[in-house]
N, C-alpha and C. Protein backbone atom coordinates (compact mmCIF):
# COMPACT_ATOMS: atom_id res chain seq x y z
N MET A 1 84.29 74.51 88.41
CA MET A 1 85.37 74.29 87.89
C MET A 1 85.58 76.26 87.96
N LEU A 2 86.92 75.96 88.90
CA LEU A 2 87.27 77.85 88.96
C LEU A 2 88.53 78.00 88.49
N GLN A 3 89.06 79.04 87.44
CA GLN A 3 89.85 79.37 86.57
C GLN A 3 90.35 80.51 87.47
N GLY A 4 92.00 79.85 87.54
CA GLY A 4 92.98 80.59 87.84
C GLY A 4 93.14 81.98 87.72
N LEU A 5 94.20 82.39 87.28
CA LEU A 5 94.71 83.85 86.80
C LEU A 5 96.21 83.53 86.08
N PRO A 6 96.04 84.58 84.86
CA PRO A 6 97.28 83.92 83.92
C PRO A 6 98.25 84.93 84.49
N PRO A 7 99.12 84.12 84.08
CA PRO A 7 100.71 84.54 84.78
C PRO A 7 101.00 85.58 84.65
N LEU A 8 101.99 86.40 85.61
CA LEU A 8 102.59 87.53 85.80
C LEU A 8 104.31 87.65 85.94
N LEU A 9 104.00 87.33 84.12
CA LEU A 9 105.90 87.00 83.96
C LEU A 9 106.16 87.44 82.87
N ASP A 10 107.60 88.01 82.87
CA ASP A 10 107.97 88.58 81.68
C ASP A 10 109.24 88.21 81.29
N THR A 11 110.10 88.81 80.05
CA THR A 11 111.55 88.12 79.69
C THR A 11 112.38 88.84 81.17
N ARG A 12 111.78 90.14 81.99
CA ARG A 12 112.77 90.03 83.25
C ARG A 12 112.89 89.68 84.55
N THR A 13 112.23 88.62 84.45
CA THR A 13 111.52 87.47 85.49
C THR A 13 112.36 86.55 85.96
N ARG A 14 113.53 86.85 87.24
CA ARG A 14 114.14 86.51 87.61
C ARG A 14 114.03 85.54 88.54
N LEU A 15 112.83 85.95 89.32
CA LEU A 15 112.37 85.03 90.27
C LEU A 15 110.60 84.40 90.41
N VAL A 16 110.46 83.59 90.03
CA VAL A 16 109.08 83.20 90.23
C VAL A 16 108.62 82.95 91.36
N VAL A 17 107.48 83.75 92.12
CA VAL A 17 106.95 82.92 92.78
C VAL A 17 105.91 82.40 92.78
N LEU A 18 105.59 81.20 92.92
CA LEU A 18 104.38 80.19 92.76
C LEU A 18 103.14 80.12 94.10
N GLY A 19 102.32 80.49 93.75
CA GLY A 19 101.83 79.93 95.01
C GLY A 19 100.68 79.13 94.12
N SER A 20 99.53 78.87 95.39
CA SER A 20 98.76 77.27 94.88
C SER A 20 97.92 77.78 93.93
N PHE A 21 96.76 78.65 94.29
CA PHE A 21 95.70 78.88 93.66
C PHE A 21 94.96 80.03 94.21
N PRO A 22 94.42 81.36 93.56
CA PRO A 22 94.52 82.32 94.12
C PRO A 22 92.61 82.46 95.09
N SER A 23 93.04 82.84 96.27
CA SER A 23 91.66 82.78 96.63
C SER A 23 90.09 83.28 96.16
N VAL A 24 89.08 83.35 97.16
CA VAL A 24 87.70 84.10 96.60
C VAL A 24 88.35 85.83 96.07
N ALA A 25 88.65 86.05 97.04
CA ALA A 25 89.01 87.89 96.90
C ALA A 25 89.96 88.40 95.75
N SER A 26 91.07 87.31 95.44
CA SER A 26 91.58 87.30 94.49
C SER A 26 91.15 87.26 92.91
N LEU A 27 89.85 85.79 93.11
CA LEU A 27 89.43 85.92 91.77
C LEU A 27 88.35 86.04 91.25
N ARG A 28 87.85 87.16 92.91
CA ARG A 28 86.88 88.31 92.26
C ARG A 28 87.37 89.71 91.79
N SER A 29 88.58 89.83 92.26
CA SER A 29 89.45 91.09 91.70
C SER A 29 90.27 91.03 90.50
N GLN A 30 90.53 89.94 90.00
CA GLN A 30 91.62 89.37 89.13
C GLN A 30 92.51 89.63 89.34
N GLN A 31 93.22 89.54 90.37
CA GLN A 31 94.24 90.34 91.00
C GLN A 31 95.16 89.34 91.92
N TYR A 32 96.43 89.07 91.70
CA TYR A 32 97.24 88.22 92.55
C TYR A 32 97.12 88.90 93.83
N TYR A 33 97.08 87.80 94.84
CA TYR A 33 97.50 88.61 96.05
C TYR A 33 96.24 89.21 96.85
N GLY A 34 95.03 89.42 96.38
CA GLY A 34 94.20 90.53 96.18
C GLY A 34 93.61 90.66 97.26
N HIS A 35 93.40 89.38 98.63
CA HIS A 35 92.62 89.66 99.43
C HIS A 35 93.15 90.55 100.56
N PRO A 36 93.10 91.47 101.14
CA PRO A 36 93.26 92.58 101.86
C PRO A 36 94.52 92.46 103.01
N GLN A 37 94.18 91.41 103.33
CA GLN A 37 94.82 90.90 104.41
C GLN A 37 96.05 89.66 104.19
N ASN A 38 96.22 89.38 102.78
CA ASN A 38 96.89 88.82 102.10
C ASN A 38 98.48 89.52 102.59
N GLN A 39 99.51 89.25 103.05
CA GLN A 39 100.76 90.16 103.15
C GLN A 39 102.06 90.07 102.24
N PHE A 40 101.21 89.46 101.18
CA PHE A 40 102.51 89.75 99.67
C PHE A 40 103.08 91.33 99.14
N TRP A 41 102.24 91.69 99.08
CA TRP A 41 102.35 93.20 98.34
C TRP A 41 102.95 93.95 99.47
N LYS A 42 102.77 93.90 100.91
CA LYS A 42 103.19 94.13 102.07
C LYS A 42 104.84 94.31 102.39
N ILE A 43 105.14 92.58 101.93
CA ILE A 43 106.65 92.17 101.66
C ILE A 43 107.09 92.67 101.22
N MET A 44 106.76 92.86 99.38
CA MET A 44 107.22 93.16 98.59
C MET A 44 107.93 94.93 98.55
N VAL A 45 106.70 95.24 99.09
CA VAL A 45 107.19 96.73 99.30
C VAL A 45 107.94 97.22 100.40
N ALA A 46 108.01 95.94 101.61
CA ALA A 46 108.95 96.26 102.81
C ALA A 46 110.36 96.07 102.17
N LEU A 47 110.42 94.86 100.77
CA LEU A 47 111.80 94.77 100.25
C LEU A 47 112.77 95.66 99.50
N PHE A 48 111.42 95.95 98.54
CA PHE A 48 111.72 96.47 97.65
C PHE A 48 112.10 97.95 97.46
N ALA A 49 110.95 98.72 98.15
CA ALA A 49 110.44 100.28 98.57
C ALA A 49 110.12 100.66 99.74
N PRO A 50 111.00 100.01 101.28
CA PRO A 50 110.70 100.70 101.90
C PRO A 50 110.24 102.27 101.89
N ASP A 51 111.03 103.03 101.62
CA ASP A 51 110.60 104.56 101.62
C ASP A 51 109.27 105.46 100.67
N ARG A 52 108.74 104.15 100.11
CA ARG A 52 107.76 104.45 98.89
C ARG A 52 106.55 103.30 99.58
N PRO A 53 106.09 103.67 100.69
CA PRO A 53 104.24 102.85 101.18
C PRO A 53 103.38 103.10 100.42
N GLU A 54 103.66 104.26 99.17
CA GLU A 54 102.16 104.90 98.62
C GLU A 54 101.76 103.77 97.45
N VAL A 55 103.23 103.25 97.29
CA VAL A 55 102.83 101.46 96.22
C VAL A 55 102.10 100.84 96.08
N LEU A 56 101.47 100.30 97.82
CA LEU A 56 100.70 99.54 98.25
C LEU A 56 99.53 100.37 97.45
N THR A 57 99.25 101.48 97.28
CA THR A 57 97.99 102.23 97.18
C THR A 57 97.96 101.96 95.44
N PHE A 58 99.16 101.97 94.70
CA PHE A 58 98.40 102.03 93.05
C PHE A 58 97.62 100.80 92.45
N PRO A 59 97.56 101.37 91.72
CA PRO A 59 96.27 100.43 90.80
C PRO A 59 97.23 98.88 90.86
N TYR A 60 96.13 98.12 90.55
CA TYR A 60 97.16 96.72 90.15
C TYR A 60 97.46 96.77 89.45
N ALA A 61 97.78 97.45 88.01
CA ALA A 61 98.25 96.83 86.96
C ALA A 61 99.49 98.02 87.13
N ALA A 62 99.42 98.74 87.72
CA ALA A 62 100.77 99.71 88.18
C ALA A 62 101.74 98.54 89.29
N ARG A 63 100.99 97.83 90.37
CA ARG A 63 101.48 97.12 90.88
C ARG A 63 102.27 96.01 90.51
N ALA A 64 101.28 95.80 89.66
CA ALA A 64 101.98 94.30 88.56
C ALA A 64 102.97 94.59 87.83
N GLU A 65 103.23 95.97 87.30
CA GLU A 65 104.41 96.23 86.41
C GLU A 65 105.88 96.81 87.24
N TRP A 66 105.99 97.80 88.60
CA TRP A 66 106.41 97.77 89.25
C TRP A 66 107.01 96.71 89.94
N LEU A 67 106.34 95.26 90.19
CA LEU A 67 106.72 93.95 90.58
C LEU A 67 107.56 93.51 89.71
N LEU A 68 106.95 93.05 88.55
CA LEU A 68 108.08 92.41 86.76
C LEU A 68 109.25 93.43 86.89
N ALA A 69 109.42 94.89 86.97
CA ALA A 69 110.52 95.60 86.98
C ALA A 69 111.66 95.37 88.18
N GLN A 70 110.80 94.51 89.17
CA GLN A 70 111.67 94.30 90.66
C GLN A 70 112.17 93.02 89.88
N GLY A 71 111.74 92.39 88.94
CA GLY A 71 112.71 91.03 88.45
C GLY A 71 111.54 89.71 88.97
N ILE A 72 110.60 90.37 89.76
CA ILE A 72 109.61 89.25 90.44
C ILE A 72 108.48 88.86 89.44
N GLY A 73 108.15 87.74 89.55
CA GLY A 73 106.88 87.24 88.45
C GLY A 73 106.10 86.10 89.33
N LEU A 74 104.76 86.33 88.80
CA LEU A 74 103.89 85.46 89.94
C LEU A 74 103.08 84.66 88.79
N TRP A 75 103.09 83.21 89.43
CA TRP A 75 102.03 82.43 88.99
C TRP A 75 101.54 81.00 89.88
N ASP A 76 100.89 80.88 89.54
CA ASP A 76 100.14 79.97 90.60
C ASP A 76 100.47 78.12 89.52
N VAL A 77 100.68 77.25 90.98
CA VAL A 77 101.03 75.47 90.48
C VAL A 77 99.58 74.83 89.86
N TYR A 78 98.34 75.30 90.11
CA TYR A 78 97.23 74.82 89.73
C TYR A 78 96.36 75.98 88.87
N SER A 79 95.86 75.33 87.41
CA SER A 79 95.60 76.68 86.66
C SER A 79 93.99 76.89 87.22
N ALA A 80 93.26 75.60 87.50
CA ALA A 80 91.58 75.25 87.61
C ALA A 80 91.76 74.70 88.98
N CYS A 81 90.67 74.01 89.44
CA CYS A 81 89.89 73.83 90.27
C CYS A 81 88.83 73.47 91.21
N GLU A 82 88.26 72.97 92.09
CA GLU A 82 87.24 73.11 92.45
C GLU A 82 87.49 73.01 93.76
N ARG A 83 86.78 73.68 94.48
CA ARG A 83 87.28 75.01 95.86
C ARG A 83 86.08 75.75 96.38
N GLU A 84 85.73 75.21 97.88
CA GLU A 84 84.74 75.81 98.27
C GLU A 84 85.59 76.61 99.54
N GLY A 85 85.45 78.08 98.99
CA GLY A 85 86.16 79.14 100.10
C GLY A 85 87.12 79.22 99.18
N SER A 86 88.51 79.51 100.40
CA SER A 86 89.64 80.08 99.78
C SER A 86 90.90 79.29 100.45
N LEU A 87 90.58 78.26 101.19
CA LEU A 87 91.64 77.06 101.74
C LEU A 87 92.14 76.38 100.82
N ASP A 88 93.71 76.01 101.20
CA ASP A 88 94.07 75.04 99.97
C ASP A 88 93.81 73.54 100.51
N SER A 89 93.32 73.47 101.88
CA SER A 89 93.04 72.14 101.87
C SER A 89 91.57 72.06 101.53
N ARG A 90 91.10 72.67 101.06
CA ARG A 90 89.86 72.50 100.23
C ARG A 90 89.36 72.27 98.56
N ILE A 91 91.05 71.91 98.01
CA ILE A 91 91.19 72.22 96.83
C ILE A 91 91.05 70.87 96.12
N GLN A 92 90.14 70.61 95.34
CA GLN A 92 89.69 69.64 94.80
C GLN A 92 89.62 69.17 92.89
N ASN A 93 90.34 68.30 92.16
CA ASN A 93 90.44 68.47 91.04
C ASN A 93 91.02 69.13 90.73
N ALA A 94 92.38 69.16 91.20
CA ALA A 94 92.86 70.53 90.72
C ALA A 94 93.83 69.81 89.10
N GLN A 95 94.10 71.15 88.45
CA GLN A 95 94.49 70.98 87.21
C GLN A 95 95.86 71.61 87.14
N PRO A 96 97.19 71.78 87.50
CA PRO A 96 98.42 72.05 87.20
C PRO A 96 98.71 73.00 85.52
N ASN A 97 99.18 74.07 86.21
CA ASN A 97 100.24 74.65 85.35
C ASN A 97 101.09 73.96 84.72
N ASP A 98 101.22 74.70 82.91
CA ASP A 98 102.32 73.90 82.66
C ASP A 98 103.73 74.73 83.44
N LEU A 99 104.11 74.02 84.35
CA LEU A 99 105.58 74.75 85.56
C LEU A 99 106.40 74.65 84.30
N LEU A 100 106.75 73.67 83.64
CA LEU A 100 107.77 73.06 83.03
C LEU A 100 108.11 74.34 81.78
N SER A 101 107.38 74.94 81.44
CA SER A 101 107.64 76.00 80.43
C SER A 101 108.22 77.55 81.25
N LEU A 102 108.57 77.45 81.91
CA LEU A 102 109.39 78.63 83.00
C LEU A 102 110.45 78.94 82.73
N ARG A 103 111.38 78.30 82.23
CA ARG A 103 112.30 78.50 81.56
C ARG A 103 112.14 78.80 80.01
N GLU A 104 111.16 78.66 79.65
CA GLU A 104 111.50 79.43 78.23
C GLU A 104 110.66 80.78 78.39
N ARG A 105 109.43 80.85 79.51
CA ARG A 105 108.61 82.06 79.37
C ARG A 105 109.48 83.29 80.12
N CYS A 106 110.45 83.14 81.08
CA CYS A 106 111.18 83.72 81.91
C CYS A 106 113.02 83.67 81.85
N PRO A 107 113.39 83.70 80.72
CA PRO A 107 114.81 83.28 79.79
C PRO A 107 115.69 83.95 80.98
N ALA A 108 115.60 84.59 82.04
CA ALA A 108 116.14 85.41 83.16
C ALA A 108 116.53 84.69 84.49
N LEU A 109 115.66 83.55 84.14
CA LEU A 109 115.41 83.13 85.34
C LEU A 109 116.39 82.20 86.11
N VAL A 110 116.37 82.91 87.71
CA VAL A 110 117.77 82.08 88.43
C VAL A 110 116.96 81.22 89.56
N ALA A 111 115.65 81.27 89.96
CA ALA A 111 115.15 80.63 91.31
C ALA A 111 113.64 80.56 91.31
N ILE A 112 113.27 79.67 91.65
CA ILE A 112 112.05 79.67 92.22
C ILE A 112 111.37 79.65 93.51
N ALA A 113 110.61 80.45 93.90
CA ALA A 113 110.20 80.27 94.99
C ALA A 113 108.26 79.66 94.99
N HIS A 114 108.18 78.76 96.09
CA HIS A 114 107.03 78.34 96.23
C HIS A 114 106.32 79.23 97.54
N ASN A 115 105.43 79.91 97.93
CA ASN A 115 104.61 80.83 98.44
C ASN A 115 103.76 79.89 99.54
N GLY A 116 103.93 78.99 100.16
CA GLY A 116 103.47 77.88 101.01
C GLY A 116 103.62 76.50 100.93
N GLY A 117 102.89 75.75 101.35
CA GLY A 117 102.97 74.43 101.79
C GLY A 117 102.51 73.74 100.46
N GLU A 118 101.00 74.21 99.77
CA GLU A 118 100.40 73.27 98.77
C GLU A 118 101.37 73.64 97.63
N SER A 119 101.88 74.95 97.64
CA SER A 119 102.77 75.23 96.40
C SER A 119 103.97 74.52 96.46
N PHE A 120 104.24 73.99 97.33
CA PHE A 120 105.74 73.97 97.74
C PHE A 120 105.70 71.77 97.11
N LYS A 121 104.13 71.34 97.27
CA LYS A 121 104.29 70.08 97.31
C LYS A 121 104.65 69.77 95.88
N HIS A 122 104.93 71.00 94.82
CA HIS A 122 105.66 70.79 93.80
C HIS A 122 106.45 70.91 93.31
N ALA A 123 107.39 71.61 94.40
CA ALA A 123 108.62 71.44 94.39
C ALA A 123 109.63 70.20 93.38
N PRO A 124 109.22 68.51 93.91
CA PRO A 124 109.88 67.96 93.15
C PRO A 124 109.83 68.13 91.75
N LEU A 125 108.64 68.67 90.91
CA LEU A 125 108.28 69.59 89.61
C LEU A 125 109.58 70.30 89.38
N THR A 126 109.62 71.49 90.18
CA THR A 126 110.06 72.68 89.32
C THR A 126 111.56 72.83 90.09
N ARG A 127 112.15 71.21 90.41
CA ARG A 127 113.65 71.43 90.67
C ARG A 127 114.46 70.70 89.08
N THR A 128 112.98 69.56 88.60
CA THR A 128 113.91 69.65 87.27
C THR A 128 114.17 70.74 86.23
N LEU A 129 113.56 71.76 86.50
CA LEU A 129 114.43 73.05 85.36
C LEU A 129 115.73 73.49 85.92
N GLY A 130 116.57 72.58 87.12
CA GLY A 130 117.74 72.86 87.57
C GLY A 130 118.31 74.15 87.72
N LEU A 131 117.12 74.64 88.76
CA LEU A 131 117.31 75.88 89.19
C LEU A 131 117.06 76.02 90.70
N PRO A 132 117.28 76.84 91.51
CA PRO A 132 117.15 76.59 93.08
C PRO A 132 115.51 76.88 93.31
N VAL A 133 115.59 75.92 94.17
CA VAL A 133 114.13 76.06 94.37
C VAL A 133 113.73 76.08 95.96
N TYR A 134 112.95 77.14 96.46
CA TYR A 134 112.53 77.33 97.50
C TYR A 134 111.11 77.64 98.47
N ARG A 135 110.95 77.49 99.58
CA ARG A 135 109.57 77.25 100.06
C ARG A 135 109.92 78.14 100.93
N LEU A 136 109.20 79.24 100.78
CA LEU A 136 108.37 80.40 101.31
C LEU A 136 107.43 80.26 102.16
N PRO A 137 107.34 80.53 103.76
CA PRO A 137 106.08 80.84 104.33
C PRO A 137 104.96 81.63 103.81
N SER A 138 103.86 81.17 103.85
CA SER A 138 103.02 81.66 102.95
C SER A 138 102.34 82.88 103.26
N THR A 139 101.96 83.96 102.35
CA THR A 139 101.71 85.20 102.83
C THR A 139 100.33 85.41 102.93
N SER A 140 99.28 84.46 102.94
CA SER A 140 98.12 83.68 103.43
C SER A 140 97.69 84.47 104.84
N PRO A 141 96.70 84.85 105.06
CA PRO A 141 95.82 85.46 106.25
C PRO A 141 95.32 84.52 107.01
N ALA A 142 95.52 82.80 106.00
CA ALA A 142 95.55 81.46 106.78
C ALA A 142 96.36 81.56 107.86
N HIS A 143 97.35 81.76 106.88
CA HIS A 143 99.03 81.05 108.13
C HIS A 143 99.64 82.33 108.87
N ALA A 144 98.92 82.76 110.35
CA ALA A 144 98.51 83.33 111.35
C ALA A 144 99.52 83.78 112.18
N THR A 145 100.18 82.08 112.17
CA THR A 145 101.05 81.29 113.13
C THR A 145 102.41 81.97 112.84
N TRP A 146 102.79 82.78 112.08
CA TRP A 146 103.90 83.25 111.80
C TRP A 146 103.80 84.96 111.81
N SER A 147 104.42 85.41 112.44
CA SER A 147 104.19 87.27 112.53
C SER A 147 104.74 87.47 111.36
N PHE A 148 104.24 89.04 110.63
CA PHE A 148 104.97 89.53 109.31
C PHE A 148 106.50 89.96 109.51
N ALA A 149 106.84 90.32 110.29
CA ALA A 149 108.30 90.08 110.86
C ALA A 149 108.98 89.14 110.69
N ARG A 150 108.52 87.69 110.91
CA ARG A 150 109.26 86.48 110.73
C ARG A 150 109.24 86.22 109.23
N LYS A 151 108.01 86.18 108.50
CA LYS A 151 107.87 85.95 107.39
C LYS A 151 108.78 86.89 106.77
N LEU A 152 109.04 88.35 106.80
CA LEU A 152 109.90 89.24 106.02
C LEU A 152 111.37 88.80 106.08
N THR A 153 111.52 88.31 107.23
CA THR A 153 113.15 87.91 107.44
C THR A 153 113.16 86.67 106.53
N VAL A 154 112.86 85.53 106.18
CA VAL A 154 112.63 84.79 105.17
C VAL A 154 112.87 85.10 104.40
N TRP A 155 111.90 86.26 103.70
CA TRP A 155 111.84 85.95 102.11
C TRP A 155 113.47 87.11 102.11
N ARG A 156 113.48 88.03 103.30
CA ARG A 156 114.73 89.48 102.86
C ARG A 156 115.94 87.88 102.21
N GLU A 157 115.98 87.35 102.97
CA GLU A 157 117.22 86.35 102.70
C GLU A 157 117.13 85.39 101.65
N LEU A 158 116.16 85.31 101.08
CA LEU A 158 116.05 84.91 99.41
C LEU A 158 116.03 85.53 98.21
N VAL A 159 115.55 87.07 98.44
CA VAL A 159 116.18 88.36 97.94
C VAL A 159 117.12 88.94 97.44
N VAL A 160 117.85 88.91 98.90
CA VAL A 160 119.53 89.35 98.60
C VAL A 160 120.23 88.36 98.65
N LYS A 161 119.70 86.71 98.61
CA LYS A 161 120.73 86.31 98.24
C LYS A 161 121.03 86.23 96.93
N PHE A 162 120.22 86.32 95.82
CA PHE A 162 119.98 86.63 94.69
C PHE A 162 120.14 87.62 93.68
N ASN A 163 120.89 88.57 94.93
CA ASN A 163 121.17 90.22 94.64
C ASN A 163 119.67 91.03 94.18
N PHE A 164 118.99 90.41 94.44
CA PHE A 164 117.18 91.68 94.32
C PHE A 164 117.87 93.20 94.57
N LEU A 165 118.11 92.91 95.93
CA LEU A 165 118.34 94.01 96.34
C LEU A 165 119.68 94.03 97.00
N GLU A 166 120.17 95.52 97.63
CA GLU A 166 121.52 95.44 98.38
C GLU A 166 121.11 95.71 99.73
N LEU A 167 121.62 95.01 100.89
CA LEU A 167 121.78 95.79 102.14
C LEU A 167 122.65 96.15 102.74
N ASN A 168 122.46 97.46 103.62
CA ASN A 168 123.54 98.44 103.74
C ASN A 168 124.16 98.22 105.01
C-alpha cells in the first residue's frame, strides 16, 4: 500500500487543487508534482510570477511556501492506494482523504479545482461543501493531448474568476 503526501494547506488557502495520487517521482521526492515533466509548477509560475522564472528553481519548501502565499493549496483525493507505476488507471484499493474537512482546514476557501479526470470523479463529494468546483486539465505528462498553452488558458480562466491575479 502506497501512502500519499500530507496536505499543503493553511489559513490563507483560497483555492485547493486536488490531484488524484502522487506519481512515483513525487512520492520518491516527497513533493507535489515532483515529476520533471509535470506542468503544474510551470503553470503556477506563468500565472503568478511570469517575470520570475527562477521560482521554478527554488527548493521545494520555498516553492511550497510561495504557492501558499498565492492562496493556493494542494492535496489529493486519495490518501493511500495500491498502484504499479504512476497512471491513475492503475490505482486500486484507494483510500480517500477526508475532503469534507477542507472548510475547517481552510477557512478562506472559495473554490475547489480538480486536477484531472480521476480527481474529478470526487466532485459530487466536494460539491457538498457548498463551494464552486471545477475540473481542470491534468498537468500530468500522461495528458499530452493538450498543449501547455491550452492548459494554461483554462487554468488562467479559473484564477482570474476568483481574483487571484489581475490581468491588464
